[in-house]
Amino acid sequence: MKVLQPPGWAAPRGYVNGVAAAGTQVFVAGQIGWNAACQFDSDDLVAQVRQALQNVRAVLAEAGATPQHMVRMTWYLTDRREYLARAKEIGLAYREVMGHYAVAMTAVEVSGLIEERARVEIEVTAVVP
């Protein structure tokens, strides 16, 4: 995997601008913060982020992939302000579950998600060499 950083651009925090990779592509559908029984254990944003990331890891594992194979993430959030206010906690949860990996990331605020209690949905593309 090669991180794509145009010369002279400021380095982004918490993501990279682009990634080039070759291998088997793995597409993980949007994962929300519920457990394997499709039940929410918490309505707290950080708890749901942690669970959604654990769900992403579980799906990646089915393809023989790990977080280090991720090249792209898209986060859908129902509350941009809370996401920004709790960024340090969310970053800590990310590092605990996923580690320190270079991922091209997009975060978007949405008016709602299909599952009413969901606060975040995360989809991932990975490439396994």
C-alpha atoms as a PDB file:
ATOM      1  CA  MET A   1       0.000   0.000   0.000  1.00  0.00           C
ATOM      2  CA  LYS A   2       1.251   3.468  -0.857  1.00  0.00           C
ATOM      3  CA  VAL A   3       0.013   6.620   0.875  1.00  0.00           C
ATOM      4  CA  LEU A   4      -0.734   9.415  -1.585  1.00  0.00           C
ATOM      5  CA  GLN A   5       0.291  12.831  -0.263  1.00  0.00           C
ATOM      6  CA  PRO A   6       0.746  15.607  -2.845  1.00  0.00           C
ATOM      7  CA  PRO A   7       3.922  17.671  -2.326  1.00  0.00           C
ATOM      8  CA  GLY A   8       3.385  20.835  -0.346  1.00  0.00           C
ATOM      9  CA  TRP A   9       0.046  19.752   1.120  1.00  0.00           C
ATOM     10  CA  ALA A  10      -0.393  19.915   4.888  1.00  0.00           C
ATOM     11  CA  ALA A  11      -0.583  16.444   6.418  1.00  0.00           C
ATOM     12  CA  PRO A  12      -4.154  15.565   7.435  1.00  0.00           C
ATOM     13  CA  ARG A  13      -4.899  14.411  10.987  1.00  0.00           C
ATOM     14  CA  GLY A  14      -6.526  11.029  11.551  1.00  0.00           C
ATOM     15  CA  TYR A  15      -6.622   9.966   7.897  1.00  0.00           C
ATOM     16  CA  VAL A  16      -4.655  10.212   4.645  1.00  0.00           C
ATOM     17  CA  ASN A  17      -5.596  11.936   1.395  1.00  0.00           C
ATOM     18  CA  GLY A  18      -5.299   8.795  -0.694  1.00  0.00           C
ATOM     19  CA  VAL A  19      -4.038   5.230  -0.857  1.00  0.00           C
ATOM     20  CA  ALA A  20      -2.879   3.093  -3.787  1.00  0.00           C
ATOM     21  CA  ALA A  21      -3.030  -0.674  -3.339  1.00  0.00           C
ATOM     22  CA  ALA A  22      -3.065  -3.860  -5.399  1.00  0.00           C
ATOM     23  CA  GLY A  23      -4.672  -7.164  -4.486  1.00  0.00           C
ATOM     24  CA  THR A  24      -8.039  -8.677  -3.593  1.00  0.00           C
ATOM     25  CA  GLN A  25     -10.610  -5.998  -2.878  1.00  0.00           C
ATOM     26  CA  VAL A  26     -12.851  -6.443   0.166  1.00  0.00           C
ATOM     27  CA  PHE A  27     -15.969  -4.304   0.525  1.00  0.00           C
ATOM     28  CA  VAL A  28     -17.519  -4.087   3.989  1.00  0.00           C
ATOM     29  CA  ALA A  29     -21.112  -2.886   4.084  1.00  0.00           C
ATOM     30  CA  GLY A  30     -22.018  -0.124   6.510  1.00  0.00           C
ATOM     31  CA  GLN A  31     -21.634  -1.385  10.064  1.00  0.00           C
ATOM     32  CA  ILE A  32     -23.526   0.216  12.914  1.00  0.00           C
ATOM     33  CA  GLY A  33     -23.064   0.101  16.663  1.00  0.00           C
ATOM     34  CA  TRP A  34     -25.092  -2.963  17.470  1.00  0.00           C
ATOM     35  CA  ASN A  35     -23.830  -6.364  18.566  1.00  0.00           C
ATOM     36  CA  ALA A  36     -23.850  -9.711  16.719  1.00  0.00           C
ATOM     37  CA  ALA A  37     -27.488 -10.259  17.794  1.00  0.00           C
ATOM     38  CA  CYS A  38     -28.463  -6.942  16.089  1.00  0.00           C
ATOM     39  CA  GLN A  39     -29.155  -5.302  19.458  1.00  0.00           C
ATOM     40  CA  PHE A  40     -27.839  -1.991  20.742  1.00  0.00           C
ATOM     41  CA  ASP A  41     -25.988  -2.181  24.059  1.00  0.00           C
ATOM     42  CA  SER A  42     -25.692   1.616  24.253  1.00  0.00           C
ATOM     43  CA  ASP A  43     -26.994   4.851  22.752  1.00  0.00           C
ATOM     44  CA  ASP A  44     -23.666   6.587  23.467  1.00  0.00           C
ATOM     45  CA  LEU A  45     -21.851   7.715  20.313  1.00  0.00           C
ATOM     46  CA  VAL A  46     -18.380   6.548  21.379  1.00  0.00           C
ATOM     47  CA  ALA A  47     -19.700   3.151  22.471  1.00  0.00           C
ATOM     48  CA  GLN A  48     -21.461   2.760  19.128  1.00  0.00           C
ATOM     49  CA  VAL A  49     -18.307   3.790  17.242  1.00  0.00           C
ATOM     50  CA  ARG A  50     -16.317   1.169  19.141  1.00  0.00           C
ATOM     51  CA  GLN A  51     -18.911  -1.533  18.398  1.00  0.00           C
ATOM     52  CA  ALA A  52     -19.201  -0.540  14.727  1.00  0.00           C
ATOM     53  CA  LEU A  53     -15.404  -0.773  14.394  1.00  0.00           C
ATOM     54  CA  GLN A  54     -15.427  -4.194  16.074  1.00  0.00           C
ATOM     55  CA  ASN A  55     -18.085  -5.240  13.561  1.00  0.00           C
ATOM     56  CA  VAL A  56     -15.889  -4.001  10.697  1.00  0.00           C
ATOM     57  CA  ARG A  57     -12.970  -6.061  12.058  1.00  0.00           C
ATOM     58  CA  ALA A  58     -15.158  -9.161  12.237  1.00  0.00           C
ATOM     59  CA  VAL A  59     -16.270  -8.805   8.611  1.00  0.00           C
ATOM     60  CA  LEU A  60     -12.700  -8.118   7.462  1.00  0.00           C
ATOM     61  CA  ALA A  61     -11.549 -11.278   9.244  1.00  0.00           C
ATOM     62  CA  GLU A  62     -13.991 -13.328   7.144  1.00  0.00           C
ATOM     63  CA  ALA A  63     -11.943 -12.290   4.088  1.00  0.00           C
ATOM     64  CA  GLY A  64      -8.609 -12.948   5.784  1.00  0.00           C
ATOM     65  CA  ALA A  65      -8.118  -9.196   6.132  1.00  0.00           C
ATOM     66  CA  THR A  66      -7.109  -7.041   9.079  1.00  0.00           C
ATOM     67  CA  PRO A  67      -7.387  -3.287   9.693  1.00  0.00           C
ATOM     68  CA  GLN A  68      -3.941  -2.823   8.137  1.00  0.00           C
ATOM     69  CA  HIS A  69      -5.532  -3.810   4.800  1.00  0.00           C
ATOM     70  CA  MET A  70      -8.105  -0.997   4.930  1.00  0.00           C
ATOM     71  CA  VAL A  71      -7.676   1.662   2.270  1.00  0.00           C
ATOM     72  CA  ARG A  72     -10.934   3.619   2.577  1.00  0.00           C
ATOM     73  CA  MET A  73     -13.538   4.339   5.248  1.00  0.00           C
ATOM     74  CA  THR A  74     -16.748   6.320   5.060  1.00  0.00           C
ATOM     75  CA  TRP A  75     -18.414   7.384   8.298  1.00  0.00           C
ATOM     76  CA  TYR A  76     -22.048   8.481   8.398  1.00  0.00           C
ATOM     77  CA  LEU A  77     -22.868  10.371  11.585  1.00  0.00           C
ATOM     78  CA  THR A  78     -26.151  11.724  12.887  1.00  0.00           C
ATOM     79  CA  ASP A  79     -24.543  14.528  14.926  1.00  0.00           C
ATOM     80  CA  ARG A  80     -21.519  16.360  13.530  1.00  0.00           C
ATOM     81  CA  ARG A  81     -21.173  18.575  16.592  1.00  0.00           C
ATOM     82  CA  GLU A  82     -21.002  15.638  18.983  1.00  0.00           C
ATOM     83  CA  TYR A  83     -18.518  13.869  16.702  1.00  0.00           C
ATOM     84  CA  LEU A  84     -16.239  16.923  16.755  1.00  0.00           C
ATOM     85  CA  ALA A  85     -16.686  17.494  20.496  1.00  0.00           C
ATOM     86  CA  ARG A  86     -15.813  13.868  21.252  1.00  0.00           C
ATOM     87  CA  ALA A  87     -13.084  13.473  18.623  1.00  0.00           C
ATOM     88  CA  LYS A  88     -10.405  12.543  21.180  1.00  0.00           C
ATOM     89  CA  GLU A  89     -12.562   9.778  22.665  1.00  0.00           C
ATOM     90  CA  ILE A  90     -13.473   8.528  19.198  1.00  0.00           C
ATOM     91  CA  GLY A  91      -9.810   8.579  18.169  1.00  0.00           C
ATOM     92  CA  LEU A  92      -8.897   6.562  21.250  1.00  0.00           C
ATOM     93  CA  ALA A  93     -11.606   3.995  20.484  1.00  0.00           C
ATOM     94  CA  TYR A  94     -10.370   3.820  16.882  1.00  0.00           C
ATOM     95  CA  ARG A  95      -6.772   3.192  17.948  1.00  0.00           C
ATOM     96  CA  GLU A  96      -7.849   0.572  20.515  1.00  0.00           C
ATOM     97  CA  VAL A  97      -9.881  -1.403  17.961  1.00  0.00           C
ATOM     98  CA  MET A  98      -8.139  -0.687  14.653  1.00  0.00           C
ATOM     99  CA  GLY A  99      -4.623   0.431  15.526  1.00  0.00           C
ATOM    100  CA  HIS A 100      -2.708   3.165  13.720  1.00  0.00           C
ATOM    101  CA  TYR A 101      -3.389   2.657  10.038  1.00  0.00           C
ATOM    102  CA  ALA A 102      -3.272   5.033   7.077  1.00  0.00           C
ATOM    103  CA  VAL A 103      -6.794   5.138   5.656  1.00  0.00           C
ATOM    104  CA  ALA A 104      -8.440   7.523   3.199  1.00  0.00           C
ATOM    105  CA  MET A 105     -11.452   8.602   5.207  1.00  0.00           C
ATOM    106  CA  THR A 106     -14.627  10.595   4.658  1.00  0.00           C
ATOM    107  CA  ALA A 107     -17.094  11.614   7.384  1.00  0.00           C
ATOM    108  CA  VAL A 108     -20.562  12.866   6.522  1.00  0.00           C
ATOM    109  CA  GLU A 109     -23.391  14.136   8.719  1.00  0.00           C
ATOM    110  CA  VAL A 110     -26.735  12.582   7.802  1.00  0.00           C
ATOM    111  CA  SER A 111     -30.230  13.352   9.024  1.00  0.00           C
ATOM    112  CA  GLY A 112     -30.772   9.764  10.111  1.00  0.00           C
ATOM    113  CA  LEU A 113     -29.838   6.140   9.587  1.00  0.00           C
ATOM    114  CA  ILE A 114     -32.146   3.245   8.768  1.00  0.00           C
ATOM    115  CA  GLU A 115     -31.862   1.773  12.284  1.00  0.00           C
ATOM    116  CA  GLU A 116     -33.412   4.477  14.451  1.00  0.00           C
ATOM    117  CA  ARG A 117     -31.042   4.051  17.429  1.00  0.00           C
ATOM    118  CA  ALA A 118     -27.907   4.058  15.251  1.00  0.00           C
ATOM    119  CA  ARG A 119     -25.678   7.105  15.755  1.00  0.00           C
ATOM    120  CA  VAL A 120     -22.939   6.074  13.299  1.00  0.00           C
ATOM    121  CA  GLU A 121     -22.497   3.797  10.301  1.00  0.00           C
ATOM    122  CA  ILE A 122     -19.048   2.899   8.951  1.00  0.00           C
ATOM    123  CA  GLU A 123     -18.262   1.282   5.609  1.00  0.00           C
ATOM    124  CA  VAL A 124     -14.819   0.089   4.562  1.00  0.00           C
ATOM    125  CA  THR A 125     -12.868  -0.947   1.506  1.00  0.00           C
ATOM    126  CA  ALA A 126      -9.796  -3.087   2.080  1.00  0.00           C
ATOM    127  CA  VAL A 127      -7.195  -4.576  -0.250  1.00  0.00           C
ATOM    128  CA  VAL A 128      -5.447  -7.818   0.661  1.00  0.00           C
ATOM    129  CA  PRO A 129      -2.154  -8.283  -1.245  1.00  0.00           C
END
